[in-house]
Amino acid sequence: MTPRRALLGAALATPGLARAQWAPARPIRLVVPFAPGGILDQLGRMLAEPMGRRLGQPVIVENRAGAGGNVGTALVARARGDAHLMLVGSTGPLAVSPITEPQLGYDPLVDLSPITLLNATPLVLVVRAASPHRDLAGLVAALKAEGREVMYPTPGVGSPQLLAQEAFRQAAGFPGQPVHYQGSAPAVLAVIAGEFAFTIENLVLVRPQIEAGLLRALAVTSAERAPMLPALPTMAEQGFPGFTAGGWYGLLSPAGVAEEVVMALHRAATAALAEPDVTRRISDMGGPPIGNSPTEFRAHIRAETERWRGVMAGGR
């Protein structure tokens, strides 16, 4: 069943969707732990109106950026039992920071209540257009022949891009070190300028540079080919079986919120995801909406944390 059909089926199978047993008594704050304009911000603003319509109270987006998403995430994690507060969470603060930040101050699996996984976006491995490497095998052979550590750019510590590149480095078997930038844009510009041999970045972000002839895409990190670039083979198709990586984004509330509140928010969120305009706009980000159960989302966070813990340990 496609994600779109699954969402519609869940919405239609839930009687009284617009009349959940629990109803908010005041507007709900939806914390986006990053600055306006990014994927999380866009997701939050897409969901705010249709969720508010179903819940009978406005959902107000509140950007609380800082520390790679940890500041806003911690704000919600500390608000135990607050049924009028939600978070748009992502890979870094939920599955990477608990590994890399010993003084984080929150545990996502203890201090937050997962509501639903919203969507996941693939990454692509790119080289500059003038690169001699036209496939992944050629790039890997060149990197292994360097005879020294290969530097690769990332948008920051804890980012899915860093994890994907470290997993690629380990799987390909070449020595390397990340160079951290303040965001994706300068990292991509550094590759275009020829300062690095490659990077792995968000598909939506680098698609304009690929289409403009500034970058060449060699592989996509999703399990299947990306609809945006259907001719681009996956990492698995090019000698890296089972290789997957990417960003994922979900909706959470503070821990201690009653189950009926979580389920009311879940029904409102999955129904919003099933609206045709929301489905289309999220799909345009590189992956269709998901809308799984709170239990499934919790299991996803746990599995991703353990997966990346292994990658980080392997790089030591």
C-alpha atoms as a PDB file:
ATOM      1  CA  MET A   1       0.000   0.000   0.000  1.00  0.00           C
ATOM      2  CA  THR A   2       1.362   3.422  -0.885  1.00  0.00           C
ATOM      3  CA  PRO A   3       1.917   6.010   1.893  1.00  0.00           C
ATOM      4  CA  ARG A   4      -0.853   8.128   0.339  1.00  0.00           C
ATOM      5  CA  ARG A   5      -3.354   5.246   0.419  1.00  0.00           C
ATOM      6  CA  ALA A   6      -2.270   4.309   3.947  1.00  0.00           C
ATOM      7  CA  LEU A   7      -2.909   7.846   5.174  1.00  0.00           C
ATOM      8  CA  LEU A   8      -6.301   8.019   3.522  1.00  0.00           C
ATOM      9  CA  GLY A   9      -7.184   4.607   4.886  1.00  0.00           C
ATOM     10  CA  ALA A  10      -6.190   5.616   8.413  1.00  0.00           C
ATOM     11  CA  ALA A  11      -8.205   8.816   8.149  1.00  0.00           C
ATOM     12  CA  LEU A  12     -11.313   7.121   6.772  1.00  0.00           C
ATOM     13  CA  ALA A  13     -11.104   4.264   9.255  1.00  0.00           C
ATOM     14  CA  THR A  14     -11.066   6.604  12.236  1.00  0.00           C
ATOM     15  CA  PRO A  15     -14.663   7.512  13.159  1.00  0.00           C
ATOM     16  CA  GLY A  16     -15.296  10.954  14.564  1.00  0.00           C
ATOM     17  CA  LEU A  17     -11.914  12.215  13.339  1.00  0.00           C
ATOM     18  CA  ALA A  18     -12.841  15.860  13.710  1.00  0.00           C
ATOM     19  CA  ARG A  19     -14.437  15.229  17.120  1.00  0.00           C
ATOM     20  CA  ALA A  20     -11.618  13.654  19.102  1.00  0.00           C
ATOM     21  CA  GLN A  21     -12.460  12.781  22.710  1.00  0.00           C
ATOM     22  CA  TRP A  22      -9.861  15.252  23.908  1.00  0.00           C
ATOM     23  CA  ALA A  23     -10.064  18.846  22.728  1.00  0.00           C
ATOM     24  CA  PRO A  24      -7.511  21.574  23.491  1.00  0.00           C
ATOM     25  CA  ALA A  25      -8.663  24.338  25.819  1.00  0.00           C
ATOM     26  CA  ARG A  26      -6.393  26.968  24.250  1.00  0.00           C
ATOM     27  CA  PRO A  27      -4.074  27.407  21.221  1.00  0.00           C
ATOM     28  CA  ILE A  28      -1.336  24.802  20.794  1.00  0.00           C
ATOM     29  CA  ARG A  29       2.271  25.923  20.409  1.00  0.00           C
ATOM     30  CA  LEU A  30       4.206  23.980  17.766  1.00  0.00           C
ATOM     31  CA  VAL A  31       7.929  24.407  18.369  1.00  0.00           C
ATOM     32  CA  VAL A  32      10.247  24.263  15.358  1.00  0.00           C
ATOM     33  CA  PRO A  33      13.801  23.972  16.734  1.00  0.00           C
ATOM     34  CA  PHE A  34      15.395  25.582  13.677  1.00  0.00           C
ATOM     35  CA  ALA A  35      15.253  28.962  11.962  1.00  0.00           C
ATOM     36  CA  PRO A  36      12.421  29.841   9.537  1.00  0.00           C
ATOM     37  CA  GLY A  37      12.662  28.595   5.974  1.00  0.00           C
ATOM     38  CA  GLY A  38      14.044  25.090   6.431  1.00  0.00           C
ATOM     39  CA  ILE A  39      12.304  21.738   5.984  1.00  0.00           C
ATOM     40  CA  LEU A  40      11.120  21.518   9.608  1.00  0.00           C
ATOM     41  CA  ASP A  41       9.733  25.034   9.470  1.00  0.00           C
ATOM     42  CA  GLN A  42       7.905  24.276   6.231  1.00  0.00           C
ATOM     43  CA  LEU A  43       6.467  21.058   7.683  1.00  0.00           C
ATOM     44  CA  GLY A  44       5.279  22.827  10.805  1.00  0.00           C
ATOM     45  CA  ARG A  45       3.534  25.556   8.833  1.00  0.00           C
ATOM     46  CA  MET A  46       1.933  23.040   6.468  1.00  0.00           C
ATOM     47  CA  LEU A  47       0.425  21.133   9.399  1.00  0.00           C
ATOM     48  CA  ALA A  48      -0.568  24.061  11.599  1.00  0.00           C
ATOM     49  CA  GLU A  49      -3.708  25.148   9.773  1.00  0.00           C
ATOM     50  CA  PRO A  50      -5.263  21.725   9.002  1.00  0.00           C
ATOM     51  CA  MET A  51      -4.444  20.392  12.466  1.00  0.00           C
ATOM     52  CA  GLY A  52      -5.887  23.491  14.122  1.00  0.00           C
ATOM     53  CA  ARG A  53      -9.011  23.161  12.016  1.00  0.00           C
ATOM     54  CA  ARG A  54      -9.565  19.631  13.288  1.00  0.00           C
ATOM     55  CA  LEU A  55      -8.650  20.317  16.899  1.00  0.00           C
ATOM     56  CA  GLY A  56     -10.788  23.438  17.173  1.00  0.00           C
ATOM     57  CA  GLN A  57      -7.916  25.641  18.372  1.00  0.00           C
ATOM     58  CA  PRO A  58      -5.137  27.419  16.438  1.00  0.00           C
ATOM     59  CA  VAL A  59      -1.772  25.707  16.164  1.00  0.00           C
ATOM     60  CA  ILE A  60       0.857  28.431  16.387  1.00  0.00           C
ATOM     61  CA  VAL A  61       4.339  27.803  14.982  1.00  0.00           C
ATOM     62  CA  GLU A  62       7.155  29.027  17.216  1.00  0.00           C
ATOM     63  CA  ASN A  63      10.770  28.934  15.973  1.00  0.00           C
ATOM     64  CA  ARG A  64      13.281  28.221  18.751  1.00  0.00           C
ATOM     65  CA  ALA A  65      16.590  27.700  16.962  1.00  0.00           C
ATOM     66  CA  GLY A  66      19.964  26.941  18.516  1.00  0.00           C
ATOM     67  CA  ALA A  67      22.561  24.208  19.066  1.00  0.00           C
ATOM     68  CA  GLY A  68      21.563  22.215  16.006  1.00  0.00           C
ATOM     69  CA  GLY A  69      17.948  21.912  17.114  1.00  0.00           C
ATOM     70  CA  ASN A  70      18.754  20.936  20.697  1.00  0.00           C
ATOM     71  CA  VAL A  71      17.507  24.195  22.264  1.00  0.00           C
ATOM     72  CA  GLY A  72      13.955  23.935  20.951  1.00  0.00           C
ATOM     73  CA  THR A  73      13.856  20.187  21.519  1.00  0.00           C
ATOM     74  CA  ALA A  74      14.941  20.632  25.142  1.00  0.00           C
ATOM     75  CA  LEU A  75      12.265  23.308  25.651  1.00  0.00           C
ATOM     76  CA  VAL A  76       9.540  20.801  24.805  1.00  0.00           C
ATOM     77  CA  ALA A  77      11.248  17.952  26.663  1.00  0.00           C
ATOM     78  CA  ARG A  78      11.233  20.022  29.863  1.00  0.00           C
ATOM     79  CA  ALA A  79       7.507  20.816  29.613  1.00  0.00           C
ATOM     80  CA  ARG A  80       6.346  17.451  30.984  1.00  0.00           C
ATOM     81  CA  GLY A  81       2.591  16.953  30.803  1.00  0.00           C
ATOM     82  CA  ASP A  82       1.869  20.062  28.712  1.00  0.00           C
ATOM     83  CA  ALA A  83      -0.877  18.966  26.321  1.00  0.00           C
ATOM     84  CA  HIS A  84      -0.797  22.310  24.500  1.00  0.00           C
ATOM     85  CA  LEU A  85       2.791  22.009  23.264  1.00  0.00           C
ATOM     86  CA  MET A  86       4.213  20.032  20.344  1.00  0.00           C
ATOM     87  CA  LEU A  87       7.573  19.670  18.608  1.00  0.00           C
ATOM     88  CA  VAL A  88       8.599  19.081  15.021  1.00  0.00           C
ATOM     89  CA  GLY A  89      11.615  16.865  15.696  1.00  0.00           C
ATOM     90  CA  SER A  90      14.340  15.572  13.407  1.00  0.00           C
ATOM     91  CA  THR A  91      17.208  13.115  13.129  1.00  0.00           C
ATOM     92  CA  GLY A  92      19.875  15.249  14.786  1.00  0.00           C
ATOM     93  CA  PRO A  93      18.238  16.268  18.088  1.00  0.00           C
ATOM     94  CA  LEU A  94      16.348  12.979  18.452  1.00  0.00           C
ATOM     95  CA  ALA A  95      18.842  10.299  17.375  1.00  0.00           C
ATOM     96  CA  VAL A  96      22.305  11.862  17.083  1.00  0.00           C
ATOM     97  CA  SER A  97      22.651  14.422  19.865  1.00  0.00           C
ATOM     98  CA  PRO A  98      21.901  11.778  22.541  1.00  0.00           C
ATOM     99  CA  ILE A  99      25.045   9.996  21.280  1.00  0.00           C
ATOM    100  CA  THR A 100      27.347  12.951  20.736  1.00  0.00           C
ATOM    101  CA  GLU A 101      26.288  15.348  23.528  1.00  0.00           C
ATOM    102  CA  PRO A 102      26.967  13.965  27.040  1.00  0.00           C
ATOM    103  CA  GLN A 103      25.410  17.034  28.700  1.00  0.00           C
ATOM    104  CA  LEU A 104      22.360  17.188  26.452  1.00  0.00           C
ATOM    105  CA  GLY A 105      19.880  17.542  29.292  1.00  0.00           C
ATOM    106  CA  TYR A 106      17.101  15.425  27.782  1.00  0.00           C
ATOM    107  CA  ASP A 107      16.455  11.883  26.613  1.00  0.00           C
ATOM    108  CA  PRO A 108      14.086  11.770  23.603  1.00  0.00           C
ATOM    109  CA  LEU A 109      12.762   8.330  24.536  1.00  0.00           C
ATOM    110  CA  VAL A 110      12.077   9.382  28.139  1.00  0.00           C
ATOM    111  CA  ASP A 111      11.194  13.069  27.958  1.00  0.00           C
ATOM    112  CA  LEU A 112       9.138  13.141  24.747  1.00  0.00           C
ATOM    113  CA  SER A 113       6.017  11.325  23.515  1.00  0.00           C
ATOM    114  CA  PRO A 114       6.210  10.441  19.808  1.00  0.00           C
ATOM    115  CA  ILE A 115       3.044  11.224  17.842  1.00  0.00           C
ATOM    116  CA  THR A 116       3.874  10.339  14.241  1.00  0.00           C
ATOM    117  CA  LEU A 117       6.716  10.234  11.739  1.00  0.00           C
ATOM    118  CA  LEU A 118       5.893  12.864   9.123  1.00  0.00           C
ATOM    119  CA  ASN A 119       8.299  12.117   6.293  1.00  0.00           C
ATOM    120  CA  ALA A 120      11.856  11.245   5.325  1.00  0.00           C
ATOM    121  CA  THR A 121      14.028  12.866   2.691  1.00  0.00           C
ATOM    122  CA  PRO A 122      16.838  11.203   0.719  1.00  0.00           C
ATOM    123  CA  LEU A 123      20.363  12.487   0.386  1.00  0.00           C
ATOM    124  CA  VAL A 124      22.495  12.428  -2.751  1.00  0.00           C
ATOM    125  CA  LEU A 125      26.220  12.033  -3.205  1.00  0.00           C
ATOM    126  CA  VAL A 126      27.436  14.813  -5.489  1.00  0.00           C
ATOM    127  CA  VAL A 127      30.691  15.957  -7.052  1.00  0.00           C
ATOM    128  CA  ARG A 128      31.351  19.197  -8.896  1.00  0.00           C
ATOM    129  CA  ALA A 129      30.467  19.181 -12.576  1.00  0.00           C
ATOM    130  CA  ALA A 130      34.149  19.413 -13.604  1.00  0.00           C
ATOM    131  CA  SER A 131      35.031  16.290 -11.601  1.00  0.00           C
ATOM    132  CA  PRO A 132      36.489  13.428 -13.651  1.00  0.00           C
ATOM    133  CA  HIS A 133      34.364  10.957 -11.703  1.00  0.00           C
ATOM    134  CA  ARG A 134      31.176   9.977 -13.483  1.00  0.00           C
ATOM    135  CA  ASP A 135      30.158   7.049 -11.281  1.00  0.00           C
ATOM    136  CA  LEU A 136      30.521   5.959  -7.678  1.00  0.00           C
ATOM    137  CA  ALA A 137      33.084   3.247  -8.421  1.00  0.00           C
ATOM    138  CA  GLY A 138      35.435   5.783 -10.029  1.00  0.00           C
ATOM    139  CA  LEU A 139      35.119   8.172  -7.104  1.00  0.00           C
ATOM    140  CA  VAL A 140      35.739   5.442  -4.514  1.00  0.00           C
ATOM    141  CA  ALA A 141      38.814   4.197  -6.379  1.00  0.00           C
ATOM    142  CA  ALA A 142      40.234   7.727  -6.459  1.00  0.00           C
ATOM    143  CA  LEU A 143      39.530   8.340  -2.772  1.00  0.00           C
ATOM    144  CA  LYS A 144      41.222   5.090  -1.759  1.00  0.00           C
ATOM    145  CA  ALA A 145      44.233   5.952  -3.938  1.00  0.00           C
ATOM    146  CA  GLU A 146      44.738   9.330  -2.242  1.00  0.00           C
ATOM    147  CA  GLY A 147      47.146   7.876   0.299  1.00  0.00           C
ATOM    148  CA  ARG A 148      46.073  10.464   2.870  1.00  0.00           C
ATOM    149  CA  GLU A 149      42.986  11.522   4.781  1.00  0.00           C
ATOM    150  CA  VAL A 150      40.174  12.742   2.563  1.00  0.00           C
ATOM    151  CA  MET A 151      38.378  15.830   3.818  1.00  0.00           C
ATOM    152  CA  TYR A 152      34.634  16.145   3.221  1.00  0.00           C
ATOM    153  CA  PRO A 153      32.276  19.034   4.107  1.00  0.00           C
ATOM    154  CA  THR A 154      29.218  18.781   6.347  1.00  0.00           C
ATOM    155  CA  PRO A 155      26.564  21.293   7.475  1.00  0.00           C
ATOM    156  CA  GLY A 156      27.424  20.626  11.106  1.00  0.00           C
ATOM    157  CA  VAL A 157      28.016  18.138  13.905  1.00  0.00           C
ATOM    158  CA  GLY A 158      25.109  15.747  14.346  1.00  0.00           C
ATOM    159  CA  SER A 159      23.649  16.339  10.887  1.00  0.00           C
ATOM    160  CA  PRO A 160      22.319  13.452   8.781  1.00  0.00           C
ATOM    161  CA  GLN A 161      24.794  14.550   6.105  1.00  0.00           C
ATOM    162  CA  LEU A 162      27.737  13.977   8.448  1.00  0.00           C
ATOM    163  CA  LEU A 163      26.446  10.558   9.456  1.00  0.00           C
ATOM    164  CA  ALA A 164      25.832   9.541   5.853  1.00  0.00           C
ATOM    165  CA  GLN A 165      29.334  10.571   4.832  1.00  0.00           C
ATOM    166  CA  GLU A 166      30.935   8.798   7.771  1.00  0.00           C
ATOM    167  CA  ALA A 167      28.945   5.640   6.962  1.00  0.00           C
ATOM    168  CA  PHE A 168      30.053   5.945   3.318  1.00  0.00           C
ATOM    169  CA  ARG A 169      33.688   6.450   4.355  1.00  0.00           C
ATOM    170  CA  GLN A 170      33.616   3.361   6.550  1.00  0.00           C
ATOM    171  CA  ALA A 171      31.884   1.230   3.906  1.00  0.00           C
ATOM    172  CA  ALA A 172      34.215   2.391   1.117  1.00  0.00           C
ATOM    173  CA  GLY A 173      37.320   1.953   3.254  1.00  0.00           C
ATOM    174  CA  PHE A 174      39.223   5.223   2.889  1.00  0.00           C
ATOM    175  CA  PRO A 175      40.623   7.449   5.679  1.00  0.00           C
ATOM    176  CA  GLY A 176      38.908  10.790   6.096  1.00  0.00           C
ATOM    177  CA  GLN A 177      37.842  13.649   8.325  1.00  0.00           C
ATOM    178  CA  PRO A 178      34.796  15.947   8.211  1.00  0.00           C
ATOM    179  CA  VAL A 179      35.053  19.709   7.862  1.00  0.00           C
ATOM    180  CA  HIS A 180      32.049  21.327   9.544  1.00  0.00           C
ATOM    181  CA  TYR A 181      30.331  24.387   8.130  1.00  0.00           C
ATOM    182  CA  GLN A 182      27.501  26.493   9.526  1.00  0.00           C
ATOM    183  CA  GLY A 183      24.818  25.019   7.315  1.00  0.00           C
ATOM    184  CA  SER A 184      24.485  23.240   4.002  1.00  0.00           C
ATOM    185  CA  ALA A 185      24.843  26.202   1.642  1.00  0.00           C
ATOM    186  CA  PRO A 186      28.544  26.933   2.355  1.00  0.00           C
ATOM    187  CA  ALA A 187      29.372  23.210   2.304  1.00  0.00           C
ATOM    188  CA  VAL A 188      27.830  22.832  -1.150  1.00  0.00           C
ATOM    189  CA  LEU A 189      29.557  25.979  -2.412  1.00  0.00           C
ATOM    190  CA  ALA A 190      32.892  24.545  -1.257  1.00  0.00           C
ATOM    191  CA  VAL A 191      32.335  21.437  -3.404  1.00  0.00           C
ATOM    192  CA  ILE A 192      31.345  23.560  -6.416  1.00  0.00           C
ATOM    193  CA  ALA A 193      34.538  25.576  -5.898  1.00  0.00           C
ATOM    194  CA  GLY A 194      36.613  22.391  -6.010  1.00  0.00           C
ATOM    195  CA  GLU A 195      37.717  22.462  -2.375  1.00  0.00           C
ATOM    196  CA  PHE A 196      36.397  18.943  -1.750  1.00  0.00           C
ATOM    197  CA  ALA A 197      35.971  15.869  -3.933  1.00  0.00           C
ATOM    198  CA  PHE A 198      32.403  15.157  -2.876  1.00  0.00           C
ATOM    199  CA  THR A 199      29.656  15.688  -0.353  1.00  0.00           C
ATOM    200  CA  ILE A 200      26.374  14.012   0.554  1.00  0.00           C
ATOM    201  CA  GLU A 201      23.525  16.482   0.786  1.00  0.00           C
ATOM    202  CA  ASN A 202      19.766  16.868   0.856  1.00  0.00           C
ATOM    203  CA  LEU A 203      18.294  16.148  -2.571  1.00  0.00           C
ATOM    204  CA  VAL A 204      15.933  19.108  -2.523  1.00  0.00           C
ATOM    205  CA  LEU A 205      18.763  21.473  -1.636  1.00  0.00           C
ATOM    206  CA  VAL A 206      21.188  20.415  -4.393  1.00  0.00           C
ATOM    207  CA  ARG A 207      18.688  19.644  -7.128  1.00  0.00           C
ATOM    208  CA  PRO A 208      18.882  23.223  -8.548  1.00  0.00           C
ATOM    209  CA  GLN A 209      22.691  23.003  -8.758  1.00  0.00           C
ATOM    210  CA  ILE A 210      22.442  19.603 -10.421  1.00  0.00           C
ATOM    211  CA  GLU A 211      19.971  20.924 -12.978  1.00  0.00           C
ATOM    212  CA  ALA A 212      22.110  24.033 -13.534  1.00  0.00           C
ATOM    213  CA  GLY A 213      25.142  21.908 -14.359  1.00  0.00           C
ATOM    214  CA  LEU A 214      27.165  22.943 -11.301  1.00  0.00           C
ATOM    215  CA  LEU A 215      27.040  19.547  -9.588  1.00  0.00           C
ATOM    216  CA  ARG A 216      26.887  15.957 -10.804  1.00  0.00           C
ATOM    217  CA  ALA A 217      24.896  13.436  -8.775  1.00  0.00           C
ATOM    218  CA  LEU A 218      26.437   9.977  -8.498  1.00  0.00           C
ATOM    219  CA  ALA A 219      24.097   8.156  -6.095  1.00  0.00           C
ATOM    220  CA  VAL A 220      21.024   8.527  -3.924  1.00  0.00           C
ATOM    221  CA  THR A 221      21.076   7.210  -0.351  1.00  0.00           C
ATOM    222  CA  SER A 222      17.475   5.962  -0.184  1.00  0.00           C
ATOM    223  CA  ALA A 223      16.579   2.283  -0.460  1.00  0.00           C
ATOM    224  CA  GLU A 224      14.848   2.958  -3.776  1.00  0.00           C
ATOM    225  CA  ARG A 225      15.495   5.477  -6.521  1.00  0.00           C
ATOM    226  CA  ALA A 226      14.170   8.961  -5.869  1.00  0.00           C
ATOM    227  CA  PRO A 227      11.189  10.067  -7.979  1.00  0.00           C
ATOM    228  CA  MET A 228      12.871  13.455  -8.459  1.00  0.00           C
ATOM    229  CA  LEU A 229      15.893  11.798 -10.134  1.00  0.00           C
ATOM    230  CA  PRO A 230      14.635   8.428 -11.373  1.00  0.00           C
ATOM    231  CA  ALA A 231      17.730   7.758 -13.515  1.00  0.00           C
ATOM    232  CA  LEU A 232      20.080   8.138 -10.540  1.00  0.00           C
ATOM    233  CA  PRO A 233      21.076   4.748  -9.058  1.00  0.00           C
ATOM    234  CA  THR A 234      21.076   4.091  -5.338  1.00  0.00           C
ATOM    235  CA  MET A 235      24.169   3.423  -3.264  1.00  0.00           C
ATOM    236  CA  ALA A 236      23.001  -0.180  -2.932  1.00  0.00           C
ATOM    237  CA  GLU A 237      22.894  -0.577  -6.703  1.00  0.00           C
ATOM    238  CA  GLN A 238      26.525   0.526  -6.914  1.00  0.00           C
ATOM    239  CA  GLY A 239      28.214  -1.853  -4.535  1.00  0.00           C
ATOM    240  CA  PHE A 240      26.967  -0.721  -1.122  1.00  0.00           C
ATOM    241  CA  PRO A 241      24.221  -3.229  -0.258  1.00  0.00           C
ATOM    242  CA  GLY A 242      21.834  -2.112   2.454  1.00  0.00           C
ATOM    243  CA  PHE A 243      23.200   1.437   2.523  1.00  0.00           C
ATOM    244  CA  THR A 244      20.512   3.949   3.427  1.00  0.00           C
ATOM    245  CA  ALA A 245      20.710   7.391   5.006  1.00  0.00           C
ATOM    246  CA  GLY A 246      18.697  10.552   5.114  1.00  0.00           C
ATOM    247  CA  GLY A 247      16.821  13.049   7.193  1.00  0.00           C
ATOM    248  CA  TRP A 248      13.526  12.243   8.895  1.00  0.00           C
ATOM    249  CA  TYR A 249      11.040  14.467  10.672  1.00  0.00           C
ATOM    250  CA  GLY A 250       8.284  13.770  13.161  1.00  0.00           C
ATOM    251  CA  LEU A 251       5.769  15.245  15.548  1.00  0.00           C
ATOM    252  CA  LEU A 252       6.141  14.833  19.315  1.00  0.00           C
ATOM    253  CA  SER A 253       4.646  16.128  22.560  1.00  0.00           C
ATOM    254  CA  PRO A 254       6.211  16.299  26.014  1.00  0.00           C
ATOM    255  CA  ALA A 255       6.277  13.102  28.057  1.00  0.00           C
ATOM    256  CA  GLY A 256       3.555  12.771  30.659  1.00  0.00           C
ATOM    257  CA  VAL A 257       0.778  13.802  28.280  1.00  0.00           C
ATOM    258  CA  ALA A 258      -2.272  11.538  28.515  1.00  0.00           C
ATOM    259  CA  GLU A 259      -2.619   8.834  25.874  1.00  0.00           C
ATOM    260  CA  GLU A 260      -5.949  10.253  24.706  1.00  0.00           C
ATOM    261  CA  VAL A 261      -4.186  13.568  23.992  1.00  0.00           C
ATOM    262  CA  VAL A 262      -1.445  11.845  21.995  1.00  0.00           C
ATOM    263  CA  MET A 263      -4.031   9.918  19.980  1.00  0.00           C
ATOM    264  CA  ALA A 264      -6.124  13.038  19.320  1.00  0.00           C
ATOM    265  CA  LEU A 265      -3.010  14.810  18.047  1.00  0.00           C
ATOM    266  CA  HIS A 266      -2.120  11.732  16.013  1.00  0.00           C
ATOM    267  CA  ARG A 267      -5.539  11.635  14.348  1.00  0.00           C
ATOM    268  CA  ALA A 268      -5.378  15.337  13.533  1.00  0.00           C
ATOM    269  CA  ALA A 269      -1.831  15.046  12.162  1.00  0.00           C
ATOM    270  CA  THR A 270      -2.428  12.000   9.952  1.00  0.00           C
ATOM    271  CA  ALA A 271      -5.628  13.506   8.587  1.00  0.00           C
ATOM    272  CA  ALA A 272      -3.714  16.695   7.768  1.00  0.00           C
ATOM    273  CA  LEU A 273      -1.002  14.661   6.015  1.00  0.00           C
ATOM    274  CA  ALA A 274      -3.701  12.986   3.902  1.00  0.00           C
ATOM    275  CA  GLU A 275      -5.019  16.283   2.533  1.00  0.00           C
ATOM    276  CA  PRO A 276      -4.093  16.396  -1.190  1.00  0.00           C
ATOM    277  CA  ASP A 277      -2.327  19.751  -1.046  1.00  0.00           C
ATOM    278  CA  VAL A 278      -0.278  18.775   2.008  1.00  0.00           C
ATOM    279  CA  THR A 279       0.575  15.393   0.462  1.00  0.00           C
ATOM    280  CA  ARG A 280       1.762  17.083  -2.727  1.00  0.00           C
ATOM    281  CA  ARG A 281       3.834  19.725  -0.961  1.00  0.00           C
ATOM    282  CA  ILE A 282       5.533  17.203   1.315  1.00  0.00           C
ATOM    283  CA  SER A 283       6.230  14.882  -1.619  1.00  0.00           C
ATOM    284  CA  ASP A 284       7.925  17.802  -3.364  1.00  0.00           C
ATOM    285  CA  MET A 285      10.479  17.768  -0.537  1.00  0.00           C
ATOM    286  CA  GLY A 286      11.768  14.430  -1.793  1.00  0.00           C
ATOM    287  CA  GLY A 287       9.664  11.835   0.022  1.00  0.00           C
ATOM    288  CA  PRO A 288       5.947  11.161   0.552  1.00  0.00           C
ATOM    289  CA  PRO A 289       4.256  11.699   3.933  1.00  0.00           C
ATOM    290  CA  ILE A 290       4.379   8.713   6.282  1.00  0.00           C
ATOM    291  CA  GLY A 291       2.014   9.120   9.233  1.00  0.00           C
ATOM    292  CA  ASN A 292       2.832   5.992  11.267  1.00  0.00           C
ATOM    293  CA  SER A 293       1.662   5.176  14.801  1.00  0.00           C
ATOM    294  CA  PRO A 294       3.204   6.575  18.009  1.00  0.00           C
ATOM    295  CA  THR A 295       4.554   3.105  18.814  1.00  0.00           C
ATOM    296  CA  GLU A 296       6.132   2.767  15.387  1.00  0.00           C
ATOM    297  CA  PHE A 297       7.646   6.225  15.602  1.00  0.00           C
ATOM    298  CA  ARG A 298       9.162   5.452  19.019  1.00  0.00           C
ATOM    299  CA  ALA A 299      10.669   2.245  17.624  1.00  0.00           C
ATOM    300  CA  HIS A 300      12.069   4.240  14.688  1.00  0.00           C
ATOM    301  CA  ILE A 301      13.809   6.735  17.001  1.00  0.00           C
ATOM    302  CA  ARG A 302      15.287   3.901  19.064  1.00  0.00           C
ATOM    303  CA  ALA A 303      16.504   1.995  15.995  1.00  0.00           C
ATOM    304  CA  GLU A 304      18.018   5.099  14.391  1.00  0.00           C
ATOM    305  CA  THR A 305      19.826   6.014  17.621  1.00  0.00           C
ATOM    306  CA  GLU A 306      21.410   2.565  17.852  1.00  0.00           C
ATOM    307  CA  ARG A 307      22.246   2.534  14.163  1.00  0.00           C
ATOM    308  CA  TRP A 308      24.120   5.836  14.254  1.00  0.00           C
ATOM    309  CA  ARG A 309      25.724   4.930  17.584  1.00  0.00           C
ATOM    310  CA  GLY A 310      27.361   2.047  15.701  1.00  0.00           C
ATOM    311  CA  VAL A 311      28.512   4.352  12.893  1.00  0.00           C
ATOM    312  CA  MET A 312      30.009   6.860  15.319  1.00  0.00           C
ATOM    313  CA  ALA A 313      31.729   4.096  17.272  1.00  0.00           C
ATOM    314  CA  GLY A 314      33.169   2.673  14.058  1.00  0.00           C
ATOM    315  CA  GLY A 315      34.768   6.005  13.227  1.00  0.00           C
ATOM    316  CA  ARG A 316      36.755   6.184  16.450  1.00  0.00           C
END
